[in-house]
Amino acid sequence: MNPYESILRKTRASQRYVRGSVRGSFEKAALMAAFHRCDQIGLQLGGNGWEYPVWVEFTRALNRQPRIEHYGVQNVSASLAPQDFTPCLILESRPDRGVVARLVAAEK
């Protein structure tokens, strides 16, 4: 795609994925969630995580609004984490592998 192409000619998806390298990861994760009927999504994307496309892809794949929360927060905002949230899929950013989705068994 031409980087100088007018924004008026770009599709919504191409505008949403200016950082194109994560597009496939987010789409695959959303399809995994839909296949497993998982609508509780935990995010561990780091301080520079790119959250908006996650909402779009998961809502589209699940055909409904999922519950998406930041999960495993280790800073002072951890005290604000909801106590009633148990994700069935965690989407995390890994320096060595990019964005990775993993299914989580329900904790007992």
N, C-alpha and C. Protein backbone atom coordinates (compact mmCIF):
# COMPACT_ATOMS: atom_id res chain seq x y z
N MET A 1 0.84 -1.18 0.00
CA MET A 1 0.00 0.00 0.00
C MET A 1 0.89 1.24 0.00
N ASN A 2 0.51 2.18 -0.76
CA ASN A 2 1.23 3.44 -0.87
C ASN A 2 1.08 4.25 0.43
N PRO A 3 2.19 4.57 1.12
CA PRO A 3 2.07 5.31 2.38
C PRO A 3 1.55 6.72 2.20
N TYR A 4 1.59 7.22 0.96
CA TYR A 4 1.14 8.58 0.70
C TYR A 4 -0.28 8.61 0.14
N GLU A 5 -0.93 7.46 0.12
CA GLU A 5 -2.30 7.39 -0.37
C GLU A 5 -3.22 8.18 0.55
N SER A 6 -4.19 8.83 -0.02
CA SER A 6 -5.12 9.64 0.76
C SER A 6 -5.90 8.76 1.73
N ILE A 7 -6.09 9.28 2.93
CA ILE A 7 -6.88 8.57 3.93
C ILE A 7 -8.33 8.39 3.46
N LEU A 8 -8.77 9.23 2.56
CA LEU A 8 -10.12 9.13 2.03
C LEU A 8 -10.30 7.90 1.13
N ARG A 9 -9.21 7.34 0.67
CA ARG A 9 -9.27 6.17 -0.21
C ARG A 9 -8.95 4.86 0.50
N LYS A 10 -8.54 4.93 1.74
CA LYS A 10 -8.19 3.72 2.49
C LYS A 10 -9.44 3.10 3.12
N THR A 11 -9.44 1.79 3.25
CA THR A 11 -10.54 1.10 3.93
C THR A 11 -10.45 1.35 5.42
N ARG A 12 -11.54 1.10 6.12
CA ARG A 12 -11.53 1.27 7.58
C ARG A 12 -10.51 0.34 8.22
N ALA A 13 -10.44 -0.91 7.72
CA ALA A 13 -9.49 -1.87 8.29
C ALA A 13 -8.05 -1.40 8.10
N SER A 14 -7.72 -0.87 6.93
CA SER A 14 -6.35 -0.42 6.71
C SER A 14 -6.02 0.81 7.56
N GLN A 15 -7.01 1.63 7.84
CA GLN A 15 -6.79 2.77 8.73
C GLN A 15 -6.59 2.29 10.17
N ARG A 16 -7.35 1.28 10.56
CA ARG A 16 -7.27 0.75 11.91
C ARG A 16 -5.93 0.05 12.15
N TYR A 17 -5.36 -0.52 11.11
CA TYR A 17 -4.13 -1.28 11.25
C TYR A 17 -2.95 -0.58 10.61
N VAL A 18 -2.69 0.63 11.06
CA VAL A 18 -1.50 1.33 10.59
C VAL A 18 -0.28 0.50 10.98
N ARG A 19 -0.35 -0.13 12.15
CA ARG A 19 0.69 -1.07 12.58
C ARG A 19 0.28 -2.45 12.05
N GLY A 20 0.40 -2.67 10.78
CA GLY A 20 -0.12 -3.85 10.11
C GLY A 20 0.35 -5.18 10.63
N SER A 21 1.48 -5.23 11.32
CA SER A 21 2.02 -6.50 11.75
C SER A 21 1.16 -7.20 12.80
N VAL A 22 0.31 -6.49 13.51
CA VAL A 22 -0.53 -7.13 14.53
C VAL A 22 -1.88 -7.56 13.99
N ARG A 23 -2.21 -7.18 12.79
CA ARG A 23 -3.54 -7.47 12.26
C ARG A 23 -3.86 -8.96 12.27
N GLY A 24 -2.98 -9.77 11.74
CA GLY A 24 -3.21 -11.21 11.69
C GLY A 24 -3.35 -11.82 13.08
N SER A 25 -2.54 -11.35 14.02
CA SER A 25 -2.60 -11.87 15.39
C SER A 25 -3.95 -11.57 16.03
N PHE A 26 -4.44 -10.34 15.87
CA PHE A 26 -5.72 -9.96 16.45
C PHE A 26 -6.87 -10.72 15.80
N GLU A 27 -6.82 -10.87 14.48
CA GLU A 27 -7.88 -11.59 13.77
C GLU A 27 -7.92 -13.06 14.19
N LYS A 28 -6.76 -13.70 14.28
CA LYS A 28 -6.70 -15.11 14.69
C LYS A 28 -7.19 -15.29 16.12
N ALA A 29 -6.80 -14.38 17.00
CA ALA A 29 -7.23 -14.46 18.40
C ALA A 29 -8.75 -14.33 18.50
N ALA A 30 -9.33 -13.42 17.72
CA ALA A 30 -10.78 -13.23 17.75
C ALA A 30 -11.50 -14.47 17.23
N LEU A 31 -10.98 -15.09 16.19
CA LEU A 31 -11.59 -16.32 15.68
C LEU A 31 -11.46 -17.46 16.69
N MET A 32 -10.35 -17.52 17.40
CA MET A 32 -10.17 -18.53 18.45
C MET A 32 -11.22 -18.33 19.54
N ALA A 33 -11.42 -17.09 19.93
CA ALA A 33 -12.42 -16.79 20.96
C ALA A 33 -13.82 -17.18 20.49
N ALA A 34 -14.14 -16.87 19.26
CA ALA A 34 -15.46 -17.22 18.72
C ALA A 34 -15.64 -18.74 18.69
N PHE A 35 -14.62 -19.47 18.25
CA PHE A 35 -14.71 -20.92 18.16
C PHE A 35 -14.96 -21.54 19.53
N HIS A 36 -14.32 -20.99 20.56
CA HIS A 36 -14.45 -21.52 21.91
C HIS A 36 -15.55 -20.83 22.72
N ARG A 37 -16.32 -19.98 22.05
CA ARG A 37 -17.41 -19.23 22.70
C ARG A 37 -16.92 -18.50 23.95
N CYS A 38 -15.80 -17.86 23.79
CA CYS A 38 -15.15 -17.13 24.88
C CYS A 38 -15.40 -15.65 24.70
N ASP A 39 -16.10 -15.04 25.65
CA ASP A 39 -16.35 -13.59 25.54
C ASP A 39 -15.81 -12.81 26.75
N GLN A 40 -14.87 -13.42 27.47
CA GLN A 40 -14.19 -12.76 28.59
C GLN A 40 -12.71 -12.71 28.21
N ILE A 41 -12.25 -11.56 27.77
CA ILE A 41 -10.91 -11.42 27.21
C ILE A 41 -10.03 -10.60 28.13
N GLY A 42 -8.90 -11.17 28.53
CA GLY A 42 -7.92 -10.46 29.35
C GLY A 42 -6.83 -9.89 28.47
N LEU A 43 -6.45 -8.66 28.73
CA LEU A 43 -5.39 -8.00 27.95
C LEU A 43 -4.13 -7.85 28.79
N GLN A 44 -3.02 -8.26 28.22
CA GLN A 44 -1.70 -8.00 28.80
C GLN A 44 -0.84 -7.46 27.67
N LEU A 45 -1.15 -6.26 27.24
CA LEU A 45 -0.50 -5.68 26.07
C LEU A 45 0.62 -4.71 26.40
N GLY A 46 0.85 -4.45 27.64
CA GLY A 46 1.92 -3.54 28.02
C GLY A 46 1.48 -2.09 27.93
N GLY A 47 2.36 -1.21 28.34
CA GLY A 47 2.05 0.21 28.39
C GLY A 47 1.80 0.85 27.04
N ASN A 48 2.32 0.26 26.00
CA ASN A 48 2.15 0.83 24.67
C ASN A 48 1.22 -0.04 23.83
N GLY A 49 0.38 -0.84 24.51
CA GLY A 49 -0.51 -1.76 23.82
C GLY A 49 -1.53 -1.05 22.96
N TRP A 50 -1.97 -1.73 21.96
CA TRP A 50 -2.87 -1.15 20.98
C TRP A 50 -4.22 -1.82 21.11
N GLU A 51 -5.13 -1.22 21.85
CA GLU A 51 -6.36 -1.87 22.28
C GLU A 51 -7.53 -1.73 21.32
N TYR A 52 -7.68 -0.64 20.64
CA TYR A 52 -8.88 -0.41 19.83
C TYR A 52 -9.18 -1.53 18.83
N PRO A 53 -8.20 -2.01 18.06
CA PRO A 53 -8.51 -3.10 17.12
C PRO A 53 -8.97 -4.38 17.81
N VAL A 54 -8.55 -4.59 19.05
CA VAL A 54 -9.00 -5.78 19.79
C VAL A 54 -10.51 -5.72 19.96
N TRP A 55 -11.03 -4.57 20.36
CA TRP A 55 -12.47 -4.41 20.54
C TRP A 55 -13.22 -4.66 19.23
N VAL A 56 -12.71 -4.12 18.15
CA VAL A 56 -13.37 -4.26 16.85
C VAL A 56 -13.38 -5.72 16.41
N GLU A 57 -12.22 -6.37 16.43
CA GLU A 57 -12.13 -7.75 15.94
C GLU A 57 -12.93 -8.73 16.78
N PHE A 58 -12.87 -8.60 18.09
CA PHE A 58 -13.59 -9.54 18.95
C PHE A 58 -15.10 -9.32 18.88
N THR A 59 -15.54 -8.09 18.79
CA THR A 59 -16.97 -7.81 18.64
C THR A 59 -17.47 -8.38 17.33
N ARG A 60 -16.72 -8.23 16.27
CA ARG A 60 -17.11 -8.75 14.95
C ARG A 60 -17.14 -10.29 14.97
N ALA A 61 -16.11 -10.92 15.51
CA ALA A 61 -16.03 -12.38 15.50
C ALA A 61 -17.09 -13.03 16.38
N LEU A 62 -17.37 -12.42 17.53
CA LEU A 62 -18.34 -13.00 18.48
C LEU A 62 -19.78 -12.60 18.18
N ASN A 63 -19.95 -11.62 17.33
CA ASN A 63 -21.29 -11.09 17.01
C ASN A 63 -21.97 -10.46 18.22
N ARG A 64 -21.19 -10.03 19.16
CA ARG A 64 -21.69 -9.33 20.36
C ARG A 64 -20.51 -8.67 21.04
N GLN A 65 -20.79 -7.79 21.95
CA GLN A 65 -19.75 -7.07 22.68
C GLN A 65 -19.14 -7.99 23.75
N PRO A 66 -17.86 -8.30 23.67
CA PRO A 66 -17.22 -9.11 24.71
C PRO A 66 -16.87 -8.25 25.93
N ARG A 67 -16.55 -8.91 27.00
CA ARG A 67 -16.00 -8.19 28.16
C ARG A 67 -14.49 -8.26 28.03
N ILE A 68 -13.87 -7.12 27.91
CA ILE A 68 -12.42 -7.04 27.75
C ILE A 68 -11.87 -6.19 28.90
N GLU A 69 -10.97 -6.78 29.65
CA GLU A 69 -10.37 -6.10 30.81
C GLU A 69 -8.86 -6.29 30.77
N HIS A 70 -8.14 -5.32 31.32
CA HIS A 70 -6.70 -5.50 31.50
C HIS A 70 -6.53 -6.51 32.62
N TYR A 71 -5.58 -7.41 32.44
CA TYR A 71 -5.45 -8.56 33.33
C TYR A 71 -3.99 -8.69 33.79
N GLY A 72 -3.81 -9.02 35.05
CA GLY A 72 -2.46 -9.22 35.57
C GLY A 72 -1.67 -7.93 35.70
N VAL A 73 -2.35 -6.84 35.96
CA VAL A 73 -1.69 -5.53 36.09
C VAL A 73 -0.79 -5.56 37.32
N GLN A 74 0.43 -5.05 37.18
CA GLN A 74 1.40 -5.11 38.26
C GLN A 74 1.79 -3.74 38.83
N ASN A 75 1.05 -2.70 38.46
CA ASN A 75 1.41 -1.37 38.98
C ASN A 75 0.32 -0.89 39.94
N VAL A 76 0.33 0.38 40.32
CA VAL A 76 -0.60 0.90 41.33
C VAL A 76 -2.06 0.80 40.90
N SER A 77 -2.32 0.74 39.60
CA SER A 77 -3.72 0.63 39.16
C SER A 77 -4.28 -0.78 39.33
N ALA A 78 -3.48 -1.72 39.79
CA ALA A 78 -3.95 -3.09 40.03
C ALA A 78 -5.09 -3.10 41.06
N SER A 79 -5.09 -2.13 41.96
CA SER A 79 -6.16 -2.07 42.97
C SER A 79 -7.52 -1.76 42.34
N LEU A 80 -7.54 -1.27 41.11
CA LEU A 80 -8.79 -0.94 40.43
C LEU A 80 -9.33 -2.11 39.61
N ALA A 81 -8.60 -3.20 39.57
CA ALA A 81 -9.02 -4.35 38.76
C ALA A 81 -10.33 -4.93 39.28
N PRO A 82 -11.24 -5.28 38.38
CA PRO A 82 -12.51 -5.86 38.82
C PRO A 82 -12.29 -7.24 39.45
N GLN A 83 -13.00 -7.49 40.53
CA GLN A 83 -12.85 -8.75 41.24
C GLN A 83 -13.69 -9.87 40.64
N ASP A 84 -14.64 -9.52 39.80
CA ASP A 84 -15.57 -10.51 39.24
C ASP A 84 -15.20 -10.93 37.81
N PHE A 85 -13.94 -10.80 37.44
CA PHE A 85 -13.53 -11.07 36.07
C PHE A 85 -12.59 -12.26 36.00
N THR A 86 -12.96 -13.27 35.22
CA THR A 86 -12.12 -14.43 34.96
C THR A 86 -12.07 -14.64 33.46
N PRO A 87 -10.95 -14.30 32.83
CA PRO A 87 -10.88 -14.44 31.37
C PRO A 87 -10.79 -15.90 30.94
N CYS A 88 -11.30 -16.18 29.77
CA CYS A 88 -11.12 -17.51 29.18
C CYS A 88 -10.07 -17.44 28.08
N LEU A 89 -9.67 -16.24 27.69
CA LEU A 89 -8.60 -16.05 26.71
C LEU A 89 -7.81 -14.81 27.13
N ILE A 90 -6.49 -14.94 27.08
CA ILE A 90 -5.63 -13.81 27.38
C ILE A 90 -4.85 -13.46 26.13
N LEU A 91 -4.89 -12.21 25.79
CA LEU A 91 -4.16 -11.68 24.65
C LEU A 91 -2.98 -10.90 25.21
N GLU A 92 -1.76 -11.38 24.93
CA GLU A 92 -0.60 -10.73 25.53
C GLU A 92 0.46 -10.39 24.48
N SER A 93 1.17 -9.34 24.79
CA SER A 93 2.26 -8.89 23.93
C SER A 93 3.55 -9.47 24.47
N ARG A 94 4.28 -10.19 23.60
CA ARG A 94 5.55 -10.78 24.00
C ARG A 94 6.65 -10.23 23.09
N PRO A 95 7.72 -9.73 23.68
CA PRO A 95 8.79 -9.15 22.86
C PRO A 95 9.36 -10.14 21.85
N ASP A 96 9.42 -11.41 22.22
CA ASP A 96 10.03 -12.40 21.34
C ASP A 96 9.09 -12.96 20.28
N ARG A 97 7.75 -12.84 20.49
CA ARG A 97 6.81 -13.47 19.57
C ARG A 97 5.68 -12.56 19.11
N GLY A 98 5.69 -11.32 19.49
CA GLY A 98 4.61 -10.41 19.11
C GLY A 98 3.38 -10.62 19.99
N VAL A 99 2.21 -10.48 19.40
CA VAL A 99 0.96 -10.63 20.14
C VAL A 99 0.54 -12.09 20.09
N VAL A 100 0.28 -12.68 21.27
CA VAL A 100 -0.05 -14.09 21.38
C VAL A 100 -1.35 -14.24 22.16
N ALA A 101 -2.23 -15.12 21.68
CA ALA A 101 -3.48 -15.42 22.40
C ALA A 101 -3.33 -16.80 23.01
N ARG A 102 -3.82 -16.93 24.26
CA ARG A 102 -3.81 -18.25 24.89
C ARG A 102 -5.11 -18.46 25.66
N LEU A 103 -5.65 -19.66 25.50
CA LEU A 103 -6.86 -20.01 26.21
C LEU A 103 -6.49 -20.31 27.67
N VAL A 104 -7.39 -20.00 28.58
CA VAL A 104 -7.14 -20.19 30.00
C VAL A 104 -8.24 -21.08 30.56
N ALA A 105 -7.84 -22.12 31.27
CA ALA A 105 -8.82 -22.97 31.95
C ALA A 105 -9.37 -22.20 33.14
N ALA A 106 -10.63 -22.43 33.44
CA ALA A 106 -11.25 -21.74 34.57
C ALA A 106 -10.54 -22.11 35.86
N GLU A 107 -10.18 -21.09 36.63
CA GLU A 107 -9.51 -21.33 37.91
C GLU A 107 -10.53 -21.71 38.95
N LYS A 108 -10.17 -22.65 39.80
CA LYS A 108 -11.11 -23.12 40.84
C LYS A 108 -10.63 -22.72 42.20
